[in-house]
């Protein structure tokens, strides 16, 4: 499977959780009383827009560096190459 790069070019403003998550004994779910940390996620097209919004609203922020991904094109046919030396072979 090859993961695509669609919808990966936006900047996201997420809030730090202010309360620890705890398990619900009846349902077995995990939750918290923190609405901002769990449910609020803002997306921006540009980094400067996200920073400007945080500064305008007085929100303390931290910018994480972009992670560059090295994509290696793959082909399904490569699974059956005769010169392949690794993998699970059934024949």
PDB file of N, CA and C in Angstrom:
ATOM      1  N   UNK A   1       0.843  -1.179   0.000  1.00  0.00           N
ATOM      2  CA  UNK A   1       0.000   0.000   0.000  1.00  0.00           C
ATOM      3  C   UNK A   1       0.884   1.237   0.000  1.00  0.00           C
ATOM      4  N   UNK A   2       0.497   2.221  -0.766  1.00  0.00           N
ATOM      5  CA  UNK A   2       1.228   3.472  -0.805  1.00  0.00           C
ATOM      6  C   UNK A   2       0.325   4.584  -0.310  1.00  0.00           C
ATOM      7  N   UNK A   3       0.779   5.291   0.686  1.00  0.00           N
ATOM      8  CA  UNK A   3      -0.004   6.390   1.227  1.00  0.00           C
ATOM      9  C   UNK A   3       0.188   7.618   0.353  1.00  0.00           C
ATOM     10  N   UNK A   4      -0.883   8.321   0.089  1.00  0.00           N
ATOM     11  CA  UNK A   4      -0.820   9.514  -0.739  1.00  0.00           C
ATOM     12  C   UNK A   4      -0.463  10.739   0.070  1.00  0.00           C
ATOM     13  N   UNK A   5      -0.316  11.854  -0.628  1.00  0.00           N
ATOM     14  CA  UNK A   5       0.040  13.114   0.023  1.00  0.00           C
ATOM     15  C   UNK A   5      -1.106  14.117  -0.020  1.00  0.00           C
ATOM     16  N   UNK A   6      -2.306  13.662  -0.397  1.00  0.00           N
ATOM     17  CA  UNK A   6      -3.453  14.564  -0.446  1.00  0.00           C
ATOM     18  C   UNK A   6      -3.837  15.059   0.939  1.00  0.00           C
ATOM     19  N   UNK A   7      -4.211  16.314   1.008  1.00  0.00           N
ATOM     20  CA  UNK A   7      -4.648  16.967   2.247  1.00  0.00           C
ATOM     21  C   UNK A   7      -3.572  16.947   3.344  1.00  0.00           C
ATOM     22  N   UNK A   8      -2.312  17.031   2.961  1.00  0.00           N
ATOM     23  CA  UNK A   8      -1.233  17.032   3.946  1.00  0.00           C
ATOM     24  C   UNK A   8      -0.493  18.365   3.989  1.00  0.00           C
ATOM     25  N   UNK A   9      -0.932  19.339   3.234  1.00  0.00           N
ATOM     26  CA  UNK A   9      -0.211  20.608   3.147  1.00  0.00           C
ATOM     27  C   UNK A   9      -0.831  21.708   3.997  1.00  0.00           C
ATOM     28  N   UNK A  10      -1.636  21.365   4.986  1.00  0.00           N
ATOM     29  CA  UNK A  10      -2.243  22.387   5.836  1.00  0.00           C
ATOM     30  C   UNK A  10      -1.539  22.432   7.184  1.00  0.00           C
ATOM     31  N   UNK A  11      -1.700  23.558   7.860  1.00  0.00           N
ATOM     32  CA  UNK A  11      -1.142  23.745   9.203  1.00  0.00           C
ATOM     33  C   UNK A  11      -2.272  23.563  10.207  1.00  0.00           C
ATOM     34  N   UNK A  12      -1.994  22.848  11.286  1.00  0.00           N
ATOM     35  CA  UNK A  12      -3.025  22.501  12.257  1.00  0.00           C
ATOM     36  C   UNK A  12      -2.689  23.132  13.603  1.00  0.00           C
ATOM     37  N   UNK A  13      -3.693  23.769  14.208  1.00  0.00           N
ATOM     38  CA  UNK A  13      -3.548  24.313  15.549  1.00  0.00           C
ATOM     39  C   UNK A  13      -4.299  23.372  16.486  1.00  0.00           C
ATOM     40  N   UNK A  14      -3.560  22.700  17.365  1.00  0.00           N
ATOM     41  CA  UNK A  14      -4.148  21.784  18.344  1.00  0.00           C
ATOM     42  C   UNK A  14      -3.824  22.299  19.738  1.00  0.00           C
ATOM     43  N   UNK A  15      -4.735  22.112  20.636  1.00  0.00           N
ATOM     44  CA  UNK A  15      -4.533  22.551  22.014  1.00  0.00           C
ATOM     45  C   UNK A  15      -3.922  21.427  22.840  1.00  0.00           C
ATOM     46  N   UNK A  16      -3.052  21.805  23.760  1.00  0.00           N
ATOM     47  CA  UNK A  16      -2.479  20.837  24.685  1.00  0.00           C
ATOM     48  C   UNK A  16      -3.577  20.361  25.624  1.00  0.00           C
ATOM     49  N   UNK A  17      -3.604  19.083  25.941  1.00  0.00           N
ATOM     50  CA  UNK A  17      -4.638  18.608  26.870  1.00  0.00           C
ATOM     51  C   UNK A  17      -4.428  19.192  28.268  1.00  0.00           C
ATOM     52  N   UNK A  18      -5.524  19.652  28.884  1.00  0.00           N
ATOM     53  CA  UNK A  18      -5.418  20.238  30.221  1.00  0.00           C
ATOM     54  C   UNK A  18      -5.850  19.253  31.305  1.00  0.00           C
ATOM     55  N   UNK A  19      -6.442  18.135  30.894  1.00  0.00           N
ATOM     56  CA  UNK A  19      -6.864  17.127  31.860  1.00  0.00           C
ATOM     57  C   UNK A  19      -6.455  15.752  31.350  1.00  0.00           C
ATOM     58  N   UNK A  20      -6.130  14.873  32.266  1.00  0.00           N
ATOM     59  CA  UNK A  20      -5.735  13.517  31.882  1.00  0.00           C
ATOM     60  C   UNK A  20      -6.953  12.721  31.419  1.00  0.00           C
ATOM     61  N   UNK A  21      -6.739  11.823  30.502  1.00  0.00           N
ATOM     62  CA  UNK A  21      -7.819  10.946  30.050  1.00  0.00           C
ATOM     63  C   UNK A  21      -8.012   9.828  31.072  1.00  0.00           C
ATOM     64  N   UNK A  22      -9.252   9.400  31.205  1.00  0.00           N
ATOM     65  CA  UNK A  22      -9.545   8.352  32.171  1.00  0.00           C
ATOM     66  C   UNK A  22     -10.528   7.365  31.547  1.00  0.00           C
ATOM     67  N   UNK A  23     -10.449   6.114  31.923  1.00  0.00           N
ATOM     68  CA  UNK A  23     -11.364   5.120  31.350  1.00  0.00           C
ATOM     69  C   UNK A  23     -12.746   5.193  31.989  1.00  0.00           C
ATOM     70  N   UNK A  24     -13.744   4.940  31.190  1.00  0.00           N
ATOM     71  CA  UNK A  24     -15.109   4.835  31.673  1.00  0.00           C
ATOM     72  C   UNK A  24     -15.355   3.370  32.001  1.00  0.00           C
ATOM     73  N   UNK A  25     -15.682   3.064  33.232  1.00  0.00           N
ATOM     74  CA  UNK A  25     -15.798   1.666  33.653  1.00  0.00           C
ATOM     75  C   UNK A  25     -16.976   0.950  32.997  1.00  0.00           C
ATOM     76  N   UNK A  26     -18.052   1.667  32.769  1.00  0.00           N
ATOM     77  CA  UNK A  26     -19.242   1.037  32.214  1.00  0.00           C
ATOM     78  C   UNK A  26     -19.065   0.684  30.737  1.00  0.00           C
ATOM     79  N   UNK A  27     -18.616   1.637  29.924  1.00  0.00           N
ATOM     80  CA  UNK A  27     -18.541   1.426  28.484  1.00  0.00           C
ATOM     81  C   UNK A  27     -17.161   0.976  28.017  1.00  0.00           C
ATOM     82  N   UNK A  28     -16.136   1.230  28.820  1.00  0.00           N
ATOM     83  CA  UNK A  28     -14.794   0.859  28.424  1.00  0.00           C
ATOM     84  C   UNK A  28     -14.129   1.884  27.522  1.00  0.00           C
ATOM     85  N   UNK A  29     -14.753   3.044  27.326  1.00  0.00           N
ATOM     86  CA  UNK A  29     -14.179   4.095  26.504  1.00  0.00           C
ATOM     87  C   UNK A  29     -13.193   4.904  27.323  1.00  0.00           C
ATOM     88  N   UNK A  30     -12.355   5.667  26.635  1.00  0.00           N
ATOM     89  CA  UNK A  30     -11.421   6.570  27.298  1.00  0.00           C
ATOM     90  C   UNK A  30     -11.838   7.984  26.941  1.00  0.00           C
ATOM     91  N   UNK A  31     -11.933   8.845  27.942  1.00  0.00           N
ATOM     92  CA  UNK A  31     -12.352  10.216  27.694  1.00  0.00           C
ATOM     93  C   UNK A  31     -11.833  11.151  28.760  1.00  0.00           C
ATOM     94  N   UNK A  32     -12.140  12.422  28.575  1.00  0.00           N
ATOM     95  CA  UNK A  32     -11.743  13.420  29.564  1.00  0.00           C
ATOM     96  C   UNK A  32     -12.754  14.554  29.545  1.00  0.00           C
ATOM     97  N   UNK A  33     -12.629  15.471  30.478  1.00  0.00           N
ATOM     98  CA  UNK A  33     -13.517  16.622  30.543  1.00  0.00           C
ATOM     99  C   UNK A  33     -12.939  17.813  29.784  1.00  0.00           C
ATOM    100  N   UNK A  34     -11.848  17.612  29.092  1.00  0.00           N
ATOM    101  CA  UNK A  34     -11.160  18.675  28.365  1.00  0.00           C
ATOM    102  C   UNK A  34     -11.730  18.794  26.948  1.00  0.00           C
ATOM    103  N   UNK A  35     -12.525  19.816  26.691  1.00  0.00           N
ATOM    104  CA  UNK A  35     -13.138  19.986  25.377  1.00  0.00           C
ATOM    105  C   UNK A  35     -12.148  20.496  24.342  1.00  0.00           C
ATOM    106  N   UNK A  36     -11.259  21.396  24.734  1.00  0.00           N
ATOM    107  CA  UNK A  36     -10.331  21.964  23.754  1.00  0.00           C
ATOM    108  C   UNK A  36      -9.330  20.925  23.254  1.00  0.00           C
ATOM    109  N   UNK A  37      -8.752  20.177  24.164  1.00  0.00           N
ATOM    110  CA  UNK A  37      -7.730  19.223  23.777  1.00  0.00           C
ATOM    111  C   UNK A  37      -8.261  18.048  22.980  1.00  0.00           C
ATOM    112  N   UNK A  38      -9.517  17.697  23.179  1.00  0.00           N
ATOM    113  CA  UNK A  38     -10.084  16.535  22.514  1.00  0.00           C
ATOM    114  C   UNK A  38     -10.821  16.859  21.224  1.00  0.00           C
ATOM    115  N   UNK A  39     -11.511  17.990  21.172  1.00  0.00           N
ATOM    116  CA  UNK A  39     -12.428  18.205  20.068  1.00  0.00           C
ATOM    117  C   UNK A  39     -12.116  19.388  19.174  1.00  0.00           C
ATOM    118  N   UNK A  40     -11.243  20.282  19.569  1.00  0.00           N
ATOM    119  CA  UNK A  40     -10.996  21.473  18.763  1.00  0.00           C
ATOM    120  C   UNK A  40      -9.665  21.330  18.023  1.00  0.00           C
ATOM    121  N   UNK A  41      -9.763  21.382  16.706  1.00  0.00           N
ATOM    122  CA  UNK A  41      -8.574  21.311  15.852  1.00  0.00           C
ATOM    123  C   UNK A  41      -8.826  22.269  14.685  1.00  0.00           C
ATOM    124  N   UNK A  42      -7.999  23.293  14.559  1.00  0.00           N
ATOM    125  CA  UNK A  42      -8.172  24.300  13.516  1.00  0.00           C
ATOM    126  C   UNK A  42      -7.119  24.093  12.435  1.00  0.00           C
ATOM    127  N   UNK A  43      -7.540  24.190  11.170  1.00  0.00           N
ATOM    128  CA  UNK A  43      -6.629  24.012  10.033  1.00  0.00           C
ATOM    129  C   UNK A  43      -6.458  25.340   9.303  1.00  0.00           C
ATOM    130  N   UNK A  44      -5.218  25.596   8.871  1.00  0.00           N
ATOM    131  CA  UNK A  44      -4.889  26.809   8.143  1.00  0.00           C
ATOM    132  C   UNK A  44      -4.091  26.429   6.899  1.00  0.00           C
ATOM    133  N   UNK A  45      -4.245  27.217   5.836  1.00  0.00           N
ATOM    134  CA  UNK A  45      -3.532  26.943   4.595  1.00  0.00           C
ATOM    135  C   UNK A  45      -2.057  27.327   4.700  1.00  0.00           C
ATOM    136  N   UNK A  46      -1.757  28.356   5.447  1.00  0.00           N
ATOM    137  CA  UNK A  46      -0.392  28.865   5.565  1.00  0.00           C
ATOM    138  C   UNK A  46       0.048  28.901   7.020  1.00  0.00           C
ATOM    139  N   UNK A  47       1.342  28.742   7.235  1.00  0.00           N
ATOM    140  CA  UNK A  47       1.905  28.792   8.590  1.00  0.00           C
ATOM    141  C   UNK A  47       1.713  30.174   9.204  1.00  0.00           C
ATOM    142  N   UNK A  48       1.896  31.208   8.407  1.00  0.00           N
ATOM    143  CA  UNK A  48       1.766  32.576   8.936  1.00  0.00           C
ATOM    144  C   UNK A  48       0.340  32.869   9.388  1.00  0.00           C
ATOM    145  N   UNK A  49      -0.656  32.266   8.733  1.00  0.00           N
ATOM    146  CA  UNK A  49      -2.037  32.453   9.147  1.00  0.00           C
ATOM    147  C   UNK A  49      -2.299  31.811  10.504  1.00  0.00           C
ATOM    148  N   UNK A  50      -1.747  30.636  10.719  1.00  0.00           N
ATOM    149  CA  UNK A  50      -1.921  29.940  11.996  1.00  0.00           C
ATOM    150  C   UNK A  50      -1.249  30.716  13.125  1.00  0.00           C
ATOM    151  N   UNK A  51      -0.055  31.227  12.860  1.00  0.00           N
ATOM    152  CA  UNK A  51       0.664  32.004  13.879  1.00  0.00           C
ATOM    153  C   UNK A  51      -0.074  33.301  14.181  1.00  0.00           C
ATOM    154  N   UNK A  52      -0.569  33.978  13.144  1.00  0.00           N
ATOM    155  CA  UNK A  52      -1.294  35.232  13.340  1.00  0.00           C
ATOM    156  C   UNK A  52      -2.570  35.005  14.161  1.00  0.00           C
ATOM    157  N   UNK A  53      -3.291  33.925  13.900  1.00  0.00           N
ATOM    158  CA  UNK A  53      -4.496  33.624  14.664  1.00  0.00           C
ATOM    159  C   UNK A  53      -4.164  33.377  16.128  1.00  0.00           C
ATOM    160  N   UNK A  54      -3.114  32.592  16.391  1.00  0.00           N
ATOM    161  CA  UNK A  54      -2.734  32.290  17.771  1.00  0.00           C
ATOM    162  C   UNK A  54      -2.315  33.555  18.516  1.00  0.00           C
ATOM    163  N   UNK A  55      -1.565  34.417  17.841  1.00  0.00           N
ATOM    164  CA  UNK A  55      -1.135  35.664  18.492  1.00  0.00           C
ATOM    165  C   UNK A  55      -2.324  36.594  18.737  1.00  0.00           C
ATOM    166  N   UNK A  56      -3.234  36.671  17.764  1.00  0.00           N
ATOM    167  CA  UNK A  56      -4.403  37.539  17.893  1.00  0.00           C
ATOM    168  C   UNK A  56      -5.306  37.089  19.044  1.00  0.00           C
ATOM    169  N   UNK A  57      -5.408  35.789  19.268  1.00  0.00           N
ATOM    170  CA  UNK A  57      -6.270  35.262  20.335  1.00  0.00           C
ATOM    171  C   UNK A  57      -5.530  35.077  21.652  1.00  0.00           C
ATOM    172  N   UNK A  58      -4.232  35.372  21.686  1.00  0.00           N
ATOM    173  CA  UNK A  58      -3.466  35.230  22.917  1.00  0.00           C
ATOM    174  C   UNK A  58      -3.200  33.782  23.289  1.00  0.00           C
ATOM    175  N   UNK A  59      -3.116  32.918  22.290  1.00  0.00           N
ATOM    176  CA  UNK A  59      -2.866  31.498  22.529  1.00  0.00           C
ATOM    177  C   UNK A  59      -1.365  31.239  22.461  1.00  0.00           C
ATOM    178  N   UNK A  60      -0.852  30.623  23.501  1.00  0.00           N
ATOM    179  CA  UNK A  60       0.556  30.242  23.496  1.00  0.00           C
ATOM    180  C   UNK A  60       0.740  29.112  22.488  1.00  0.00           C
ATOM    181  N   UNK A  61       1.782  29.198  21.646  1.00  0.00           N
ATOM    182  CA  UNK A  61       1.937  28.194  20.597  1.00  0.00           C
ATOM    183  C   UNK A  61       3.377  27.746  20.450  1.00  0.00           C
ATOM    184  N   UNK A  62       3.520  26.589  19.810  1.00  0.00           N
ATOM    185  CA  UNK A  62       4.832  26.022  19.496  1.00  0.00           C
ATOM    186  C   UNK A  62       4.733  25.479  18.070  1.00  0.00           C
ATOM    187  N   UNK A  63       5.669  25.869  17.209  1.00  0.00           N
ATOM    188  CA  UNK A  63       5.659  25.399  15.823  1.00  0.00           C
ATOM    189  C   UNK A  63       6.586  24.197  15.716  1.00  0.00           C
ATOM    190  N   UNK A  64       6.023  23.086  15.278  1.00  0.00           N
ATOM    191  CA  UNK A  64       6.836  21.892  15.082  1.00  0.00           C
ATOM    192  C   UNK A  64       7.381  21.895  13.661  1.00  0.00           C
ATOM    193  N   UNK A  65       8.626  21.473  13.478  1.00  0.00           N
ATOM    194  CA  UNK A  65       9.214  21.497  12.133  1.00  0.00           C
ATOM    195  C   UNK A  65       8.498  20.526  11.197  1.00  0.00           C
ATOM    196  N   UNK A  66       8.525  20.883   9.926  1.00  0.00           N
ATOM    197  CA  UNK A  66       7.925  20.014   8.924  1.00  0.00           C
ATOM    198  C   UNK A  66       8.748  18.737   8.799  1.00  0.00           C
ATOM    199  N   UNK A  67       8.079  17.639   8.595  1.00  0.00           N
ATOM    200  CA  UNK A  67       8.751  16.357   8.415  1.00  0.00           C
ATOM    201  C   UNK A  67       8.742  16.039   6.933  1.00  0.00           C
ATOM    202  N   UNK A  68       9.911  15.913   6.362  1.00  0.00           N
ATOM    203  CA  UNK A  68       9.967  15.578   4.942  1.00  0.00           C
ATOM    204  C   UNK A  68       9.958  14.061   4.784  1.00  0.00           C
ATOM    205  N   UNK A  69       9.105  13.611   3.915  1.00  0.00           N
ATOM    206  CA  UNK A  69       8.961  12.181   3.683  1.00  0.00           C
ATOM    207  C   UNK A  69       9.668  11.826   2.392  1.00  0.00           C
ATOM    208  N   UNK A  70      10.402  10.756   2.433  1.00  0.00           N
ATOM    209  CA  UNK A  70      11.013  10.246   1.227  1.00  0.00           C
ATOM    210  C   UNK A  70      10.117   9.184   0.621  1.00  0.00           C
ATOM    211  N   UNK A  71       9.492   9.499  -0.486  1.00  0.00           N
ATOM    212  CA  UNK A  71       8.593   8.546  -1.120  1.00  0.00           C
ATOM    213  C   UNK A  71       9.369   7.690  -2.114  1.00  0.00           C
ATOM    214  N   UNK A  72       9.210   6.402  -1.974  1.00  0.00           N
ATOM    215  CA  UNK A  72       9.821   5.477  -2.914  1.00  0.00           C
ATOM    216  C   UNK A  72       8.716   4.856  -3.764  1.00  0.00           C
ATOM    217  N   UNK A  73       8.726   5.114  -5.063  1.00  0.00           N
ATOM    218  CA  UNK A  73       7.690   4.509  -5.895  1.00  0.00           C
ATOM    219  C   UNK A  73       7.800   2.988  -5.848  1.00  0.00           C
ATOM    220  N   UNK A  74       6.658   2.330  -5.732  1.00  0.00           N
ATOM    221  CA  UNK A  74       6.635   0.883  -5.669  1.00  0.00           C
ATOM    222  C   UNK A  74       5.709   0.351  -6.746  1.00  0.00           C
ATOM    223  N   UNK A  75       5.951  -0.846  -7.128  1.00  0.00           N
ATOM    224  CA  UNK A  75       5.116  -1.501  -8.116  1.00  0.00           C
ATOM    225  C   UNK A  75       4.693  -2.856  -7.563  1.00  0.00           C
ATOM    226  N   UNK A  76       3.446  -3.215  -7.793  1.00  0.00           N
ATOM    227  CA  UNK A  76       2.962  -4.514  -7.336  1.00  0.00           C
ATOM    228  C   UNK A  76       3.736  -5.635  -8.015  1.00  0.00           C
ATOM    229  N   UNK A  77       4.156  -5.418  -9.248  1.00  0.00           N
ATOM    230  CA  UNK A  77       4.887  -6.439  -9.996  1.00  0.00           C
ATOM    231  C   UNK A  77       6.250  -6.736  -9.371  1.00  0.00           C
ATOM    232  N   UNK A  78       6.804  -5.798  -8.603  1.00  0.00           N
ATOM    233  CA  UNK A  78       8.096  -6.036  -7.953  1.00  0.00           C
ATOM    234  C   UNK A  78       8.025  -7.181  -6.951  1.00  0.00           C
ATOM    235  N   UNK A  79       6.842  -7.499  -6.445  1.00  0.00           N
ATOM    236  CA  UNK A  79       6.698  -8.617  -5.512  1.00  0.00           C
ATOM    237  C   UNK A  79       7.039  -9.949  -6.171  1.00  0.00           C
ATOM    238  N   UNK A  80       6.987 -10.012  -7.481  1.00  0.00           N
ATOM    239  CA  UNK A  80       7.178 -11.272  -8.192  1.00  0.00           C
ATOM    240  C   UNK A  80       8.426 -11.285  -9.074  1.00  0.00           C
ATOM    241  N   UNK A  81       9.344 -10.353  -8.835  1.00  0.00           N
ATOM    242  CA  UNK A  81      10.595 -10.326  -9.605  1.00  0.00           C
ATOM    243  C   UNK A  81      11.402 -11.591  -9.346  1.00  0.00           C
ATOM    244  N   UNK A  82      12.013 -12.169 -10.354  1.00  0.00           N
ATOM    245  CA  UNK A  82      12.802 -13.385 -10.132  1.00  0.00           C
ATOM    246  C   UNK A  82      14.106 -13.129  -9.371  1.00  0.00           C
ATOM    247  N   UNK A  83      14.620 -11.901  -9.393  1.00  0.00           N
ATOM    248  CA  UNK A  83      15.882 -11.602  -8.705  1.00  0.00           C
ATOM    249  C   UNK A  83      15.670 -11.116  -7.272  1.00  0.00           C
ATOM    250  N   UNK A  84      14.454 -11.175  -6.774  1.00  0.00           N
ATOM    251  CA  UNK A  84      14.146 -10.742  -5.414  1.00  0.00           C
ATOM    252  C   UNK A  84      14.723 -11.749  -4.420  1.00  0.00           C
ATOM    253  N   UNK A  85      15.397 -11.229  -3.377  1.00  0.00           N
ATOM    254  CA  UNK A  85      16.063 -12.131  -2.420  1.00  0.00           C
ATOM    255  C   UNK A  85      15.391 -12.140  -1.058  1.00  0.00           C
ATOM    256  N   UNK A  86      14.511 -11.170  -0.771  1.00  0.00           N
ATOM    257  CA  UNK A  86      13.846 -11.161   0.532  1.00  0.00           C
ATOM    258  C   UNK A  86      12.364 -11.354   0.356  1.00  0.00           C
ATOM    259  N   UNK A  87      11.695 -11.752   1.412  1.00  0.00           N
ATOM    260  CA  UNK A  87      10.255 -11.871   1.377  1.00  0.00           C
ATOM    261  C   UNK A  87       9.798 -13.306   1.618  1.00  0.00           C
ATOM    262  N   UNK A  88       8.512 -13.465   1.689  1.00  0.00           N
ATOM    263  CA  UNK A  88       7.926 -14.779   1.905  1.00  0.00           C
ATOM    264  C   UNK A  88       7.597 -15.408   0.556  1.00  0.00           C
ATOM    265  N   UNK A  89       8.240 -16.485   0.259  1.00  0.00           N
ATOM    266  CA  UNK A  89       7.986 -17.184  -1.000  1.00  0.00           C
ATOM    267  C   UNK A  89       7.299 -18.500  -0.702  1.00  0.00           C
ATOM    268  N   UNK A  90       6.295 -18.782  -1.450  1.00  0.00           N
ATOM    269  CA  UNK A  90       5.566 -20.031  -1.260  1.00  0.00           C
ATOM    270  C   UNK A  90       5.868 -21.030  -2.371  1.00  0.00           C
ATOM    271  N   UNK A  91       6.790 -20.691  -3.257  1.00  0.00           N
ATOM    272  CA  UNK A  91       7.130 -21.599  -4.344  1.00  0.00           C
ATOM    273  C   UNK A  91       8.632 -21.645  -4.547  1.00  0.00           C
TER     274      UNK A  91
END
